[in-house]
Amino acid sequence: MIVPKLFEDCSFISAGFCDAEESLDLEQPILMNQVHGANAFVISAAPQDPPDCDALVTTTPNLKLTVKTADCAPALFVDPQNHIIAATHAGWKGAFQGILENTILTMIKLGASLDTIRVAIGPHLTKNSFQVSPQMQSLFPQTEFCFFEKTSSGIYFDFSAYLAHRLQRAGIHKIEISSIDTLQDPAYNSYRRDPSNPARQYSFIQINGEG
């Protein structure tokens, strides 16, 4: 399991990016019905059913906010000053629609400070593996065409740089991004490698508490 170095001094939380095998043993994950959208959902207790959203935000201890991915990017947020956390599923569609920014805004509504929020992004599809169609690129404004590279074999999307761009534009500067490519690393599930495999890896964050 990868524990973000950015969170090493945040002793009040537990957080990590599990690989495919480790995910099988993760206990009591609080999951979302991820819809590749931009809605962030605040919880103060474990929901009876997974909410339709792509980010969970809380100030409540012992809630293991969990993201499922298999090429999309899991993003874990923490405000160590105000003890507010979030877990976000950021596919390119969700990132394009503003899921990262909506997560930040939801945290701020709960009392977080933009200056103290930190974000760690786990294993995901990186540039050399993220081939896209011209139609997908055309959805982006021309000012963001710098995140696409056209080669003799096709168009490739620098997803890592795009995620960093969206976070930095929103005012976040403490960012850690994993360089692990889920397509290339067999320890991780990848939809592009095996679309028939329903398995996903889990990424989680929780505020530690008694009981």
N, C-alpha and C. Protein backbone atom coordinates (compact mmCIF):
# COMPACT_ATOMS: atom_id res chain seq x y z
N MET A 1 0.85 -1.20 0.00
CA MET A 1 0.00 0.00 0.00
C MET A 1 0.88 1.25 0.00
N ILE A 2 0.49 2.21 -0.77
CA ILE A 2 1.21 3.47 -0.84
C ILE A 2 0.57 4.45 0.14
N VAL A 3 1.36 4.94 1.08
CA VAL A 3 0.92 5.99 1.99
C VAL A 3 1.53 7.30 1.50
N PRO A 4 0.71 8.28 1.18
CA PRO A 4 1.25 9.55 0.65
C PRO A 4 2.24 10.20 1.60
N LYS A 5 3.40 10.55 1.08
CA LYS A 5 4.40 11.25 1.90
C LYS A 5 3.88 12.60 2.37
N LEU A 6 2.99 13.18 1.57
CA LEU A 6 2.42 14.48 1.91
C LEU A 6 1.60 14.43 3.19
N PHE A 7 1.16 13.22 3.58
CA PHE A 7 0.32 13.06 4.76
C PHE A 7 1.08 12.52 5.97
N GLU A 8 2.39 12.35 5.86
CA GLU A 8 3.14 11.67 6.91
C GLU A 8 3.06 12.37 8.26
N ASP A 9 2.90 13.68 8.27
CA ASP A 9 2.81 14.40 9.54
C ASP A 9 1.37 14.60 10.00
N CYS A 10 0.43 13.98 9.30
CA CYS A 10 -0.99 14.09 9.67
C CYS A 10 -1.38 12.86 10.49
N SER A 11 -0.99 12.84 11.75
CA SER A 11 -1.16 11.65 12.57
C SER A 11 -2.62 11.35 12.89
N PHE A 12 -3.51 12.30 12.67
CA PHE A 12 -4.92 12.09 13.01
C PHE A 12 -5.68 11.32 11.94
N ILE A 13 -5.02 11.00 10.83
CA ILE A 13 -5.69 10.28 9.75
C ILE A 13 -4.97 8.98 9.44
N SER A 14 -5.70 8.08 8.78
CA SER A 14 -5.12 6.92 8.09
C SER A 14 -5.51 7.07 6.62
N ALA A 15 -4.57 6.78 5.73
CA ALA A 15 -4.84 6.94 4.30
C ALA A 15 -3.91 6.06 3.50
N GLY A 16 -4.36 5.64 2.33
CA GLY A 16 -3.48 4.85 1.49
C GLY A 16 -4.10 4.50 0.16
N PHE A 17 -3.24 4.15 -0.76
CA PHE A 17 -3.63 3.68 -2.09
C PHE A 17 -3.30 2.20 -2.16
N CYS A 18 -4.31 1.36 -2.20
CA CYS A 18 -4.12 -0.09 -2.25
C CYS A 18 -3.95 -0.56 -3.68
N ASP A 19 -3.17 -1.64 -3.85
CA ASP A 19 -3.12 -2.27 -5.16
C ASP A 19 -4.28 -3.27 -5.25
N ALA A 20 -4.34 -4.04 -6.32
CA ALA A 20 -5.48 -4.92 -6.54
C ALA A 20 -5.63 -5.95 -5.43
N GLU A 21 -4.52 -6.57 -5.02
CA GLU A 21 -4.57 -7.61 -4.00
C GLU A 21 -4.89 -7.04 -2.63
N GLU A 22 -4.28 -5.93 -2.28
CA GLU A 22 -4.53 -5.31 -0.99
C GLU A 22 -5.97 -4.86 -0.84
N SER A 23 -6.59 -4.50 -1.94
CA SER A 23 -7.97 -4.02 -1.89
C SER A 23 -8.94 -5.09 -1.43
N LEU A 24 -8.59 -6.35 -1.67
CA LEU A 24 -9.46 -7.45 -1.29
C LEU A 24 -9.62 -7.54 0.23
N ASP A 25 -8.64 -7.02 0.97
CA ASP A 25 -8.65 -7.14 2.42
C ASP A 25 -9.03 -5.84 3.14
N LEU A 26 -9.40 -4.81 2.41
CA LEU A 26 -9.74 -3.55 3.06
C LEU A 26 -11.06 -3.69 3.81
N GLU A 27 -11.03 -3.38 5.09
CA GLU A 27 -12.20 -3.57 5.94
C GLU A 27 -13.04 -2.31 6.03
N GLN A 28 -14.34 -2.50 5.98
CA GLN A 28 -15.35 -1.46 6.21
C GLN A 28 -15.16 -0.21 5.34
N PRO A 29 -14.96 -0.40 4.04
CA PRO A 29 -14.89 0.78 3.18
C PRO A 29 -16.26 1.42 3.02
N ILE A 30 -16.28 2.73 3.01
CA ILE A 30 -17.51 3.46 2.70
C ILE A 30 -17.40 3.89 1.24
N LEU A 31 -18.24 3.30 0.43
CA LEU A 31 -18.13 3.45 -1.02
C LEU A 31 -19.18 4.39 -1.58
N MET A 32 -18.93 4.83 -2.80
CA MET A 32 -19.88 5.63 -3.56
C MET A 32 -20.38 4.83 -4.75
N ASN A 33 -21.53 5.19 -5.24
CA ASN A 33 -21.95 4.74 -6.56
C ASN A 33 -21.41 5.78 -7.54
N GLN A 34 -20.21 5.56 -8.01
CA GLN A 34 -19.49 6.55 -8.81
C GLN A 34 -20.12 6.68 -10.20
N VAL A 35 -20.40 7.92 -10.59
CA VAL A 35 -21.16 8.16 -11.82
C VAL A 35 -20.39 9.02 -12.83
N HIS A 36 -19.09 9.23 -12.59
CA HIS A 36 -18.25 10.04 -13.48
C HIS A 36 -18.82 11.46 -13.61
N GLY A 37 -19.28 11.98 -12.48
CA GLY A 37 -19.83 13.32 -12.46
C GLY A 37 -19.00 14.25 -11.59
N ALA A 38 -19.66 15.29 -11.06
CA ALA A 38 -18.95 16.31 -10.30
C ALA A 38 -19.60 16.62 -8.96
N ASN A 39 -20.41 15.70 -8.44
CA ASN A 39 -21.09 15.94 -7.18
C ASN A 39 -20.27 15.41 -6.00
N ALA A 40 -20.12 16.26 -4.97
CA ALA A 40 -19.48 15.87 -3.72
C ALA A 40 -20.55 15.77 -2.64
N PHE A 41 -20.43 14.74 -1.81
CA PHE A 41 -21.48 14.41 -0.83
C PHE A 41 -20.87 14.42 0.56
N VAL A 42 -21.47 15.17 1.48
CA VAL A 42 -21.01 15.23 2.86
C VAL A 42 -21.69 14.12 3.67
N ILE A 43 -20.89 13.37 4.45
CA ILE A 43 -21.49 12.37 5.33
C ILE A 43 -21.00 12.57 6.76
N SER A 44 -21.88 12.24 7.72
CA SER A 44 -21.52 12.28 9.14
C SER A 44 -21.73 10.91 9.78
N ALA A 45 -22.21 9.95 8.98
CA ALA A 45 -22.38 8.57 9.42
C ALA A 45 -22.34 7.70 8.17
N ALA A 46 -22.11 6.43 8.36
CA ALA A 46 -22.07 5.53 7.21
C ALA A 46 -23.45 5.48 6.55
N PRO A 47 -23.54 5.79 5.26
CA PRO A 47 -24.84 5.78 4.59
C PRO A 47 -25.36 4.35 4.43
N GLN A 48 -26.68 4.22 4.43
CA GLN A 48 -27.28 2.89 4.27
C GLN A 48 -26.99 2.34 2.88
N ASP A 49 -27.03 3.20 1.88
CA ASP A 49 -26.71 2.81 0.51
C ASP A 49 -25.66 3.77 -0.04
N PRO A 50 -24.77 3.29 -0.91
CA PRO A 50 -23.77 4.18 -1.49
C PRO A 50 -24.42 5.34 -2.23
N PRO A 51 -24.08 6.57 -1.92
CA PRO A 51 -24.69 7.71 -2.59
C PRO A 51 -24.18 7.84 -4.03
N ASP A 52 -25.01 8.41 -4.89
CA ASP A 52 -24.62 8.68 -6.28
C ASP A 52 -23.78 9.94 -6.30
N CYS A 53 -22.48 9.78 -6.31
CA CYS A 53 -21.58 10.93 -6.31
C CYS A 53 -20.18 10.46 -6.66
N ASP A 54 -19.24 11.40 -6.74
CA ASP A 54 -17.86 11.04 -7.03
C ASP A 54 -16.89 11.63 -6.02
N ALA A 55 -17.42 12.10 -4.89
CA ALA A 55 -16.56 12.55 -3.79
C ALA A 55 -17.34 12.46 -2.49
N LEU A 56 -16.65 11.99 -1.46
CA LEU A 56 -17.20 11.97 -0.11
C LEU A 56 -16.35 12.88 0.77
N VAL A 57 -17.03 13.67 1.61
CA VAL A 57 -16.35 14.64 2.49
C VAL A 57 -16.88 14.44 3.90
N THR A 58 -15.98 14.52 4.89
CA THR A 58 -16.45 14.37 6.28
C THR A 58 -15.52 15.07 7.27
N THR A 59 -16.07 15.30 8.46
CA THR A 59 -15.30 15.73 9.63
C THR A 59 -15.44 14.69 10.74
N THR A 60 -16.10 13.58 10.47
CA THR A 60 -16.44 12.57 11.46
C THR A 60 -15.40 11.47 11.52
N PRO A 61 -14.92 11.12 12.70
CA PRO A 61 -13.94 10.03 12.81
C PRO A 61 -14.52 8.67 12.43
N ASN A 62 -13.61 7.76 12.08
CA ASN A 62 -13.91 6.34 11.85
C ASN A 62 -14.80 6.09 10.63
N LEU A 63 -14.81 6.99 9.69
CA LEU A 63 -15.50 6.77 8.42
C LEU A 63 -14.44 6.62 7.34
N LYS A 64 -14.31 5.42 6.81
CA LYS A 64 -13.26 5.13 5.83
C LYS A 64 -13.76 5.47 4.42
N LEU A 65 -13.59 6.73 4.05
CA LEU A 65 -14.01 7.20 2.73
C LEU A 65 -13.17 6.49 1.67
N THR A 66 -13.83 5.86 0.71
CA THR A 66 -13.11 4.96 -0.20
C THR A 66 -13.50 5.19 -1.65
N VAL A 67 -12.49 5.18 -2.50
CA VAL A 67 -12.65 5.36 -3.94
C VAL A 67 -12.29 4.06 -4.65
N LYS A 68 -13.07 3.70 -5.66
CA LYS A 68 -12.76 2.54 -6.51
C LYS A 68 -12.24 3.04 -7.86
N THR A 69 -11.12 2.49 -8.31
CA THR A 69 -10.59 2.90 -9.62
C THR A 69 -9.95 1.74 -10.37
N ALA A 70 -9.86 1.92 -11.67
CA ALA A 70 -9.13 0.98 -12.53
C ALA A 70 -8.69 1.72 -13.78
N ASP A 71 -8.00 2.81 -13.63
CA ASP A 71 -7.43 3.72 -14.62
C ASP A 71 -7.76 5.17 -14.30
N CYS A 72 -8.94 5.41 -13.71
CA CYS A 72 -9.24 6.76 -13.25
C CYS A 72 -8.33 7.09 -12.07
N ALA A 73 -8.34 8.35 -11.65
CA ALA A 73 -7.45 8.80 -10.59
C ALA A 73 -8.18 8.89 -9.26
N PRO A 74 -7.66 8.24 -8.21
CA PRO A 74 -8.19 8.46 -6.87
C PRO A 74 -7.48 9.66 -6.25
N ALA A 75 -8.23 10.57 -5.68
CA ALA A 75 -7.65 11.76 -5.06
C ALA A 75 -8.09 11.83 -3.60
N LEU A 76 -7.12 11.91 -2.70
CA LEU A 76 -7.40 12.01 -1.27
C LEU A 76 -7.04 13.42 -0.79
N PHE A 77 -7.96 14.03 -0.07
CA PHE A 77 -7.81 15.41 0.40
C PHE A 77 -7.76 15.43 1.92
N VAL A 78 -6.93 16.32 2.47
CA VAL A 78 -6.95 16.53 3.92
C VAL A 78 -6.61 17.99 4.22
N ASP A 79 -7.35 18.53 5.18
CA ASP A 79 -7.00 19.81 5.79
C ASP A 79 -6.54 19.50 7.20
N PRO A 80 -5.23 19.43 7.43
CA PRO A 80 -4.73 19.03 8.75
C PRO A 80 -5.00 20.06 9.85
N GLN A 81 -5.27 21.28 9.46
CA GLN A 81 -5.52 22.32 10.46
C GLN A 81 -6.94 22.22 10.99
N ASN A 82 -7.90 21.93 10.11
CA ASN A 82 -9.31 21.91 10.48
C ASN A 82 -9.92 20.52 10.55
N HIS A 83 -9.09 19.48 10.32
CA HIS A 83 -9.51 18.08 10.42
C HIS A 83 -10.73 17.77 9.54
N ILE A 84 -10.56 18.07 8.26
CA ILE A 84 -11.58 17.78 7.25
C ILE A 84 -10.92 16.96 6.16
N ILE A 85 -11.59 15.89 5.74
CA ILE A 85 -11.02 15.00 4.72
C ILE A 85 -12.02 14.75 3.60
N ALA A 86 -11.49 14.26 2.47
CA ALA A 86 -12.34 13.89 1.35
C ALA A 86 -11.66 12.83 0.51
N ALA A 87 -12.47 12.03 -0.15
CA ALA A 87 -11.98 11.04 -1.11
C ALA A 87 -12.75 11.23 -2.41
N THR A 88 -12.01 11.34 -3.51
CA THR A 88 -12.62 11.73 -4.79
C THR A 88 -12.23 10.77 -5.90
N HIS A 89 -13.23 10.42 -6.69
CA HIS A 89 -13.01 9.63 -7.91
C HIS A 89 -12.93 10.60 -9.08
N ALA A 90 -11.74 10.70 -9.68
CA ALA A 90 -11.53 11.67 -10.76
C ALA A 90 -11.18 10.96 -12.05
N GLY A 91 -12.19 10.59 -12.79
CA GLY A 91 -11.96 10.21 -14.18
C GLY A 91 -11.79 11.47 -14.99
N TRP A 92 -11.42 11.33 -16.25
CA TRP A 92 -11.22 12.56 -17.03
C TRP A 92 -12.53 13.32 -17.17
N LYS A 93 -13.66 12.60 -17.27
CA LYS A 93 -14.95 13.29 -17.40
C LYS A 93 -15.29 14.07 -16.14
N GLY A 94 -15.08 13.44 -14.99
CA GLY A 94 -15.35 14.14 -13.74
C GLY A 94 -14.42 15.32 -13.52
N ALA A 95 -13.14 15.12 -13.85
CA ALA A 95 -12.18 16.22 -13.71
C ALA A 95 -12.56 17.37 -14.64
N PHE A 96 -12.97 17.05 -15.83
CA PHE A 96 -13.38 18.06 -16.81
C PHE A 96 -14.61 18.84 -16.31
N GLN A 97 -15.52 18.12 -15.64
CA GLN A 97 -16.74 18.76 -15.14
C GLN A 97 -16.53 19.52 -13.83
N GLY A 98 -15.39 19.28 -13.15
CA GLY A 98 -15.09 20.05 -11.95
C GLY A 98 -15.19 19.31 -10.63
N ILE A 99 -15.01 17.98 -10.63
CA ILE A 99 -15.14 17.24 -9.38
C ILE A 99 -14.07 17.64 -8.36
N LEU A 100 -12.86 17.95 -8.82
CA LEU A 100 -11.82 18.36 -7.88
C LEU A 100 -12.18 19.68 -7.21
N GLU A 101 -12.61 20.63 -8.01
CA GLU A 101 -12.99 21.94 -7.47
C GLU A 101 -14.21 21.83 -6.55
N ASN A 102 -15.18 20.98 -6.92
CA ASN A 102 -16.36 20.83 -6.08
C ASN A 102 -16.03 20.17 -4.75
N THR A 103 -15.07 19.26 -4.76
CA THR A 103 -14.60 18.67 -3.51
C THR A 103 -14.01 19.75 -2.61
N ILE A 104 -13.17 20.60 -3.18
CA ILE A 104 -12.55 21.68 -2.42
C ILE A 104 -13.61 22.63 -1.86
N LEU A 105 -14.56 23.03 -2.68
CA LEU A 105 -15.62 23.94 -2.23
C LEU A 105 -16.45 23.33 -1.11
N THR A 106 -16.72 22.03 -1.21
CA THR A 106 -17.49 21.35 -0.17
C THR A 106 -16.71 21.32 1.14
N MET A 107 -15.40 21.08 1.06
CA MET A 107 -14.56 21.11 2.26
C MET A 107 -14.55 22.50 2.88
N ILE A 108 -14.46 23.53 2.05
CA ILE A 108 -14.44 24.90 2.55
C ILE A 108 -15.76 25.25 3.25
N LYS A 109 -16.87 24.75 2.72
CA LYS A 109 -18.17 24.99 3.36
C LYS A 109 -18.23 24.38 4.75
N LEU A 110 -17.44 23.33 4.97
CA LEU A 110 -17.39 22.69 6.29
C LEU A 110 -16.37 23.35 7.21
N GLY A 111 -15.62 24.32 6.68
CA GLY A 111 -14.67 25.04 7.52
C GLY A 111 -13.21 24.87 7.13
N ALA A 112 -12.95 24.20 6.03
CA ALA A 112 -11.57 24.03 5.58
C ALA A 112 -11.00 25.35 5.06
N SER A 113 -9.68 25.43 5.07
CA SER A 113 -8.98 26.59 4.53
C SER A 113 -8.27 26.20 3.24
N LEU A 114 -8.44 26.99 2.22
CA LEU A 114 -7.80 26.69 0.95
C LEU A 114 -6.28 26.60 1.08
N ASP A 115 -5.72 27.39 1.96
CA ASP A 115 -4.27 27.43 2.12
C ASP A 115 -3.69 26.18 2.77
N THR A 116 -4.53 25.41 3.46
CA THR A 116 -4.01 24.27 4.21
C THR A 116 -4.44 22.92 3.65
N ILE A 117 -5.27 22.91 2.61
CA ILE A 117 -5.70 21.64 2.01
C ILE A 117 -4.53 21.02 1.25
N ARG A 118 -4.35 19.72 1.46
CA ARG A 118 -3.35 18.94 0.72
C ARG A 118 -4.07 17.86 -0.09
N VAL A 119 -3.50 17.51 -1.24
CA VAL A 119 -4.12 16.52 -2.10
C VAL A 119 -3.08 15.51 -2.58
N ALA A 120 -3.41 14.23 -2.42
CA ALA A 120 -2.57 13.16 -2.95
C ALA A 120 -3.37 12.38 -3.99
N ILE A 121 -2.78 12.18 -5.15
CA ILE A 121 -3.43 11.45 -6.24
C ILE A 121 -2.70 10.13 -6.44
N GLY A 122 -3.46 9.04 -6.47
CA GLY A 122 -2.88 7.71 -6.54
C GLY A 122 -2.68 7.22 -7.96
N PRO A 123 -2.30 5.95 -8.11
CA PRO A 123 -2.05 5.35 -9.43
C PRO A 123 -3.22 5.54 -10.38
N HIS A 124 -2.88 5.86 -11.62
CA HIS A 124 -3.90 6.14 -12.63
C HIS A 124 -3.28 5.97 -14.02
N LEU A 125 -4.07 6.19 -15.03
CA LEU A 125 -3.59 6.08 -16.40
C LEU A 125 -2.74 7.31 -16.73
N THR A 126 -1.47 7.10 -17.03
CA THR A 126 -0.59 8.23 -17.31
C THR A 126 -0.43 8.45 -18.82
N LYS A 127 0.30 9.47 -19.15
CA LYS A 127 0.32 9.99 -20.51
C LYS A 127 0.62 8.94 -21.58
N ASN A 128 1.64 8.13 -21.38
CA ASN A 128 2.05 7.18 -22.42
C ASN A 128 1.02 6.09 -22.68
N SER A 129 0.07 5.93 -21.77
CA SER A 129 -0.97 4.91 -21.93
C SER A 129 -2.35 5.48 -22.24
N PHE A 130 -2.48 6.80 -22.17
CA PHE A 130 -3.81 7.42 -22.27
C PHE A 130 -4.04 7.95 -23.69
N GLN A 131 -4.26 7.03 -24.61
CA GLN A 131 -4.57 7.44 -25.99
C GLN A 131 -6.04 7.82 -26.07
N VAL A 132 -6.33 8.92 -26.75
CA VAL A 132 -7.70 9.44 -26.82
C VAL A 132 -8.06 9.75 -28.27
N SER A 133 -9.33 9.99 -28.48
CA SER A 133 -9.83 10.31 -29.81
C SER A 133 -9.78 11.81 -30.05
N PRO A 134 -9.77 12.24 -31.32
CA PRO A 134 -9.87 13.68 -31.60
C PRO A 134 -11.16 14.28 -31.04
N GLN A 135 -12.22 13.48 -30.99
CA GLN A 135 -13.50 13.96 -30.47
C GLN A 135 -13.39 14.30 -28.99
N MET A 136 -12.64 13.48 -28.26
CA MET A 136 -12.45 13.76 -26.83
C MET A 136 -11.64 15.04 -26.67
N GLN A 137 -10.57 15.20 -27.41
CA GLN A 137 -9.75 16.40 -27.30
C GLN A 137 -10.56 17.65 -27.64
N SER A 138 -11.46 17.53 -28.60
CA SER A 138 -12.22 18.70 -29.05
C SER A 138 -13.16 19.24 -27.98
N LEU A 139 -13.44 18.47 -26.94
CA LEU A 139 -14.28 18.95 -25.85
C LEU A 139 -13.58 19.98 -24.98
N PHE A 140 -12.26 19.97 -25.01
CA PHE A 140 -11.47 20.85 -24.16
C PHE A 140 -11.24 22.20 -24.84
N PRO A 141 -11.13 23.26 -24.04
CA PRO A 141 -10.80 24.55 -24.65
C PRO A 141 -9.38 24.51 -25.22
N GLN A 142 -9.13 25.32 -26.22
CA GLN A 142 -7.82 25.31 -26.87
C GLN A 142 -6.70 25.66 -25.90
N THR A 143 -7.01 26.39 -24.86
CA THR A 143 -5.99 26.73 -23.87
C THR A 143 -5.50 25.50 -23.12
N GLU A 144 -6.23 24.39 -23.21
CA GLU A 144 -5.84 23.16 -22.54
C GLU A 144 -5.37 22.08 -23.52
N PHE A 145 -5.18 22.45 -24.77
CA PHE A 145 -4.64 21.50 -25.75
C PHE A 145 -3.20 21.14 -25.44
N CYS A 146 -2.55 21.92 -24.56
CA CYS A 146 -1.17 21.61 -24.17
C CYS A 146 -1.07 20.29 -23.42
N PHE A 147 -2.20 19.78 -22.95
CA PHE A 147 -2.18 18.51 -22.24
C PHE A 147 -2.34 17.31 -23.18
N PHE A 148 -2.39 17.59 -24.47
CA PHE A 148 -2.51 16.54 -25.48
C PHE A 148 -1.27 16.56 -26.37
N GLU A 149 -0.82 15.38 -26.73
CA GLU A 149 0.33 15.26 -27.64
C GLU A 149 -0.05 14.36 -28.80
N LYS A 150 0.09 14.88 -29.99
CA LYS A 150 -0.21 14.11 -31.19
C LYS A 150 1.06 13.46 -31.71
N THR A 151 1.03 12.15 -31.87
CA THR A 151 2.17 11.39 -32.37
C THR A 151 1.74 10.59 -33.59
N SER A 152 2.68 9.87 -34.16
CA SER A 152 2.36 9.04 -35.32
C SER A 152 1.39 7.91 -34.96
N SER A 153 1.32 7.55 -33.68
CA SER A 153 0.43 6.46 -33.27
C SER A 153 -0.89 6.94 -32.69
N GLY A 154 -1.05 8.26 -32.55
CA GLY A 154 -2.32 8.76 -32.05
C GLY A 154 -2.14 9.97 -31.15
N ILE A 155 -3.22 10.33 -30.46
CA ILE A 155 -3.23 11.47 -29.54
C ILE A 155 -3.19 10.94 -28.11
N TYR A 156 -2.31 11.53 -27.30
CA TYR A 156 -2.15 11.08 -25.92
C TYR A 156 -2.42 12.23 -24.96
N PHE A 157 -3.09 11.89 -23.86
CA PHE A 157 -3.54 12.88 -22.88
C PHE A 157 -2.69 12.79 -21.62
N ASP A 158 -2.10 13.90 -21.22
CA ASP A 158 -1.30 13.95 -20.00
C ASP A 158 -2.23 14.19 -18.81
N PHE A 159 -2.83 13.10 -18.35
CA PHE A 159 -3.84 13.17 -17.30
C PHE A 159 -3.25 13.70 -16.00
N SER A 160 -2.03 13.28 -15.67
CA SER A 160 -1.39 13.73 -14.43
C SER A 160 -1.24 15.24 -14.42
N ALA A 161 -0.73 15.79 -15.51
CA ALA A 161 -0.52 17.23 -15.59
C ALA A 161 -1.85 17.98 -15.58
N TYR A 162 -2.87 17.39 -16.20
CA TYR A 162 -4.17 18.04 -16.23
C TYR A 162 -4.77 18.12 -14.82
N LEU A 163 -4.65 17.03 -14.06
CA LEU A 163 -5.15 17.04 -12.69
C LEU A 163 -4.43 18.08 -11.84
N ALA A 164 -3.11 18.15 -11.99
CA ALA A 164 -2.33 19.15 -11.26
C ALA A 164 -2.77 20.57 -11.65
N HIS A 165 -3.02 20.77 -12.94
CA HIS A 165 -3.48 22.07 -13.43
C HIS A 165 -4.80 22.47 -12.79
N ARG A 166 -5.74 21.55 -12.72
CA ARG A 166 -7.04 21.87 -12.15
C ARG A 166 -6.91 22.20 -10.66
N LEU A 167 -6.09 21.46 -9.95
CA LEU A 167 -5.90 21.72 -8.53
C LEU A 167 -5.20 23.05 -8.29
N GLN A 168 -4.16 23.30 -9.05
CA GLN A 168 -3.40 24.55 -8.88
C GLN A 168 -4.27 25.76 -9.23
N ARG A 169 -5.06 25.63 -10.27
CA ARG A 169 -5.95 26.72 -10.67
C ARG A 169 -6.99 27.01 -9.58
N ALA A 170 -7.34 25.96 -8.83
CA ALA A 170 -8.31 26.13 -7.74
C ALA A 170 -7.66 26.68 -6.47
N GLY A 171 -6.32 26.79 -6.46
CA GLY A 171 -5.64 27.37 -5.32
C GLY A 171 -4.93 26.37 -4.42
N ILE A 172 -4.83 25.11 -4.88
CA ILE A 172 -4.14 24.08 -4.10
C ILE A 172 -2.69 23.98 -4.59
N HIS A 173 -1.75 24.00 -3.65
CA HIS A 173 -0.34 23.95 -4.03
C HIS A 173 0.43 22.83 -3.36
N LYS A 174 -0.18 22.19 -2.38
CA LYS A 174 0.44 21.01 -1.75
C LYS A 174 -0.16 19.77 -2.39
N ILE A 175 0.53 19.26 -3.41
CA ILE A 175 0.00 18.20 -4.25
C ILE A 175 1.06 17.10 -4.41
N GLU A 176 0.63 15.86 -4.30
CA GLU A 176 1.50 14.70 -4.56
C GLU A 176 0.79 13.82 -5.58
N ILE A 177 1.47 13.48 -6.66
CA ILE A 177 0.85 12.68 -7.72
C ILE A 177 1.69 11.44 -7.98
N SER A 178 1.07 10.28 -7.86
CA SER A 178 1.76 9.02 -8.11
C SER A 178 2.14 8.91 -9.59
N SER A 179 3.31 8.35 -9.85
CA SER A 179 3.76 8.11 -11.23
C SER A 179 3.41 6.71 -11.71
N ILE A 180 2.74 5.91 -10.87
CA ILE A 180 2.40 4.54 -11.26
C ILE A 180 1.30 4.56 -12.31
N ASP A 181 1.54 3.84 -13.39
CA ASP A 181 0.58 3.73 -14.49
C ASP A 181 -0.20 2.43 -14.33
N THR A 182 -1.50 2.53 -14.16
CA THR A 182 -2.30 1.34 -13.91
C THR A 182 -2.34 0.38 -15.09
N LEU A 183 -2.20 0.89 -16.29
CA LEU A 183 -2.19 0.00 -17.46
C LEU A 183 -0.91 -0.81 -17.51
N GLN A 184 0.20 -0.20 -17.16
CA GLN A 184 1.50 -0.84 -17.30
C GLN A 184 1.88 -1.70 -16.10
N ASP A 185 1.33 -1.42 -14.94
CA ASP A 185 1.71 -2.14 -13.73
C ASP A 185 0.70 -3.25 -13.43
N PRO A 186 1.09 -4.51 -13.53
CA PRO A 186 0.14 -5.62 -13.35
C PRO A 186 -0.38 -5.76 -11.92
N ALA A 187 0.22 -5.04 -10.97
CA ALA A 187 -0.28 -5.09 -9.60
C ALA A 187 -1.60 -4.35 -9.44
N TYR A 188 -1.97 -3.57 -10.46
CA TYR A 188 -3.18 -2.77 -10.40
C TYR A 188 -4.18 -3.21 -11.45
N ASN A 189 -5.46 -3.10 -11.11
CA ASN A 189 -6.51 -3.34 -12.09
C ASN A 189 -6.50 -2.21 -13.12
N SER A 190 -6.75 -2.58 -14.37
CA SER A 190 -6.82 -1.59 -15.44
C SER A 190 -7.97 -1.95 -16.37
N TYR A 191 -8.89 -1.04 -16.52
CA TYR A 191 -10.01 -1.27 -17.44
C TYR A 191 -9.53 -1.37 -18.87
N ARG A 192 -8.53 -0.58 -19.21
CA ARG A 192 -8.02 -0.63 -20.58
C ARG A 192 -7.30 -1.94 -20.87
N ARG A 193 -6.62 -2.48 -19.88
CA ARG A 193 -5.93 -3.74 -20.06
C ARG A 193 -6.91 -4.90 -20.14
N ASP A 194 -7.95 -4.85 -19.30
CA ASP A 194 -8.91 -5.96 -19.23
C ASP A 194 -10.29 -5.43 -18.89
N PRO A 195 -11.03 -4.97 -19.90
CA PRO A 195 -12.35 -4.39 -19.64
C PRO A 195 -13.37 -5.39 -19.10
N SER A 196 -13.08 -6.69 -19.24
CA SER A 196 -14.02 -7.69 -18.73
C SER A 196 -13.85 -7.94 -17.24
N ASN A 197 -12.78 -7.39 -16.64
CA ASN A 197 -12.52 -7.60 -15.23
C ASN A 197 -13.24 -6.54 -14.40
N PRO A 198 -14.20 -6.93 -13.56
CA PRO A 198 -14.94 -5.94 -12.77
C PRO A 198 -14.20 -5.45 -11.53
N ALA A 199 -13.05 -6.05 -11.22
CA ALA A 199 -12.33 -5.71 -9.99
C ALA A 199 -11.76 -4.29 -10.06
N ARG A 200 -11.71 -3.66 -8.92
CA ARG A 200 -11.16 -2.31 -8.79
C ARG A 200 -10.22 -2.26 -7.59
N GLN A 201 -9.26 -1.32 -7.62
CA GLN A 201 -8.47 -1.10 -6.42
C GLN A 201 -9.08 0.03 -5.60
N TYR A 202 -8.82 -0.04 -4.31
CA TYR A 202 -9.41 0.90 -3.38
C TYR A 202 -8.35 1.89 -2.88
N SER A 203 -8.79 3.11 -2.69
CA SER A 203 -7.99 4.15 -2.05
C SER A 203 -8.86 4.75 -0.95
N PHE A 204 -8.27 5.00 0.22
CA PHE A 204 -9.10 5.38 1.36
C PHE A 204 -8.42 6.46 2.20
N ILE A 205 -9.27 7.15 2.95
CA ILE A 205 -8.81 8.10 3.96
C ILE A 205 -9.84 8.15 5.06
N GLN A 206 -9.37 8.20 6.32
CA GLN A 206 -10.30 8.34 7.45
C GLN A 206 -9.64 9.13 8.57
N ILE A 207 -10.47 9.78 9.36
CA ILE A 207 -10.02 10.42 10.59
C ILE A 207 -10.03 9.36 11.69
N ASN A 208 -8.92 9.20 12.35
CA ASN A 208 -8.83 8.19 13.40
C ASN A 208 -9.61 8.64 14.63
N GLY A 209 -10.20 7.67 15.32
CA GLY A 209 -10.95 7.97 16.53
C GLY A 209 -11.03 6.76 17.42
N GLU A 210 -11.51 6.99 18.63
CA GLU A 210 -11.66 5.88 19.57
C GLU A 210 -12.92 5.10 19.27
N GLY A 211 -12.85 3.79 19.49
CA GLY A 211 -14.02 2.95 19.33
C GLY A 211 -14.26 2.52 17.92
